[in-house]
Amino acid sequence: MNPLINYLLSINILKTPGIIEAFEKIDRKDFVPEELKKEAYYDRPLPIGFGQTISQPLVVAFMLEQLQPKLDDKILDIGTGSGWTTALLAEIVGPKGKVIAIELVSELMEFGKNNVAKYNFIEKGLVEFICADGSKGYKQEACFDKILASASAQKQIPNAWKEQVKIGGRIVTPVSSSIWLFVKKSQDKFEETEYPGFAFVPLIEK
């Protein structure tokens, strides 16, 4: 087991067996630029160009633990960037699941797509990449079991996300400097939990 996973286990951030297994199988080194490969196992964000980063492993682990992705889920991954969270989600949802990865910056989408392709998830039809404004969600594939956003909405989450998640589904997203978990209880009612003290790049909207 690599030292990064040992560290995340030791501080009790990684807890769920399926998520731990995905972290073991999906190597962060495959998702960072060539010149930063030596830093892949440090617990810090790394630049991937265009003002974006591959998120700090602790933050990714924490968000996935709140999201609770499951086998066969259909998940919308917004601001996919390097593709690391996309690949982790694809590993968890398995062959009958689906991950829609949305990235607005076309060059970053290609970078993420090439990284995820190393694991054959695209070839197998588990992952589909879309170059679009993630703040609008992705109506063509709604409704989703889960929605994960890796960039920060500045004041509130887009209504499109709330509309496009199933009842009982979860949205995990940064808003400002907090991570928020929204659990959809009915068509217009959400249970909300805030976890403050994080930092994210802003969500880019058209």
Foldseek 3Di string as FASTA:
>chain_A
DDPLLVVCVVVPLADDPLLSVLPVVQQQLLQADPVCSVVSSPQQWDDRDPPATDHGPSVLSNLCVLQVQAALFEEEEEQCQSQRSVLSNLSHNDLNHAYEYEHQDVVRLVNNVVSSVVVVCVVSRRYDYDHAQCLQPDVVDFQGQEYEYQAEAAADRRVNVLQRYDQQHWYWHHYHQWIKIWHHPDSPDTDIDIGGDHDGHHRDGD
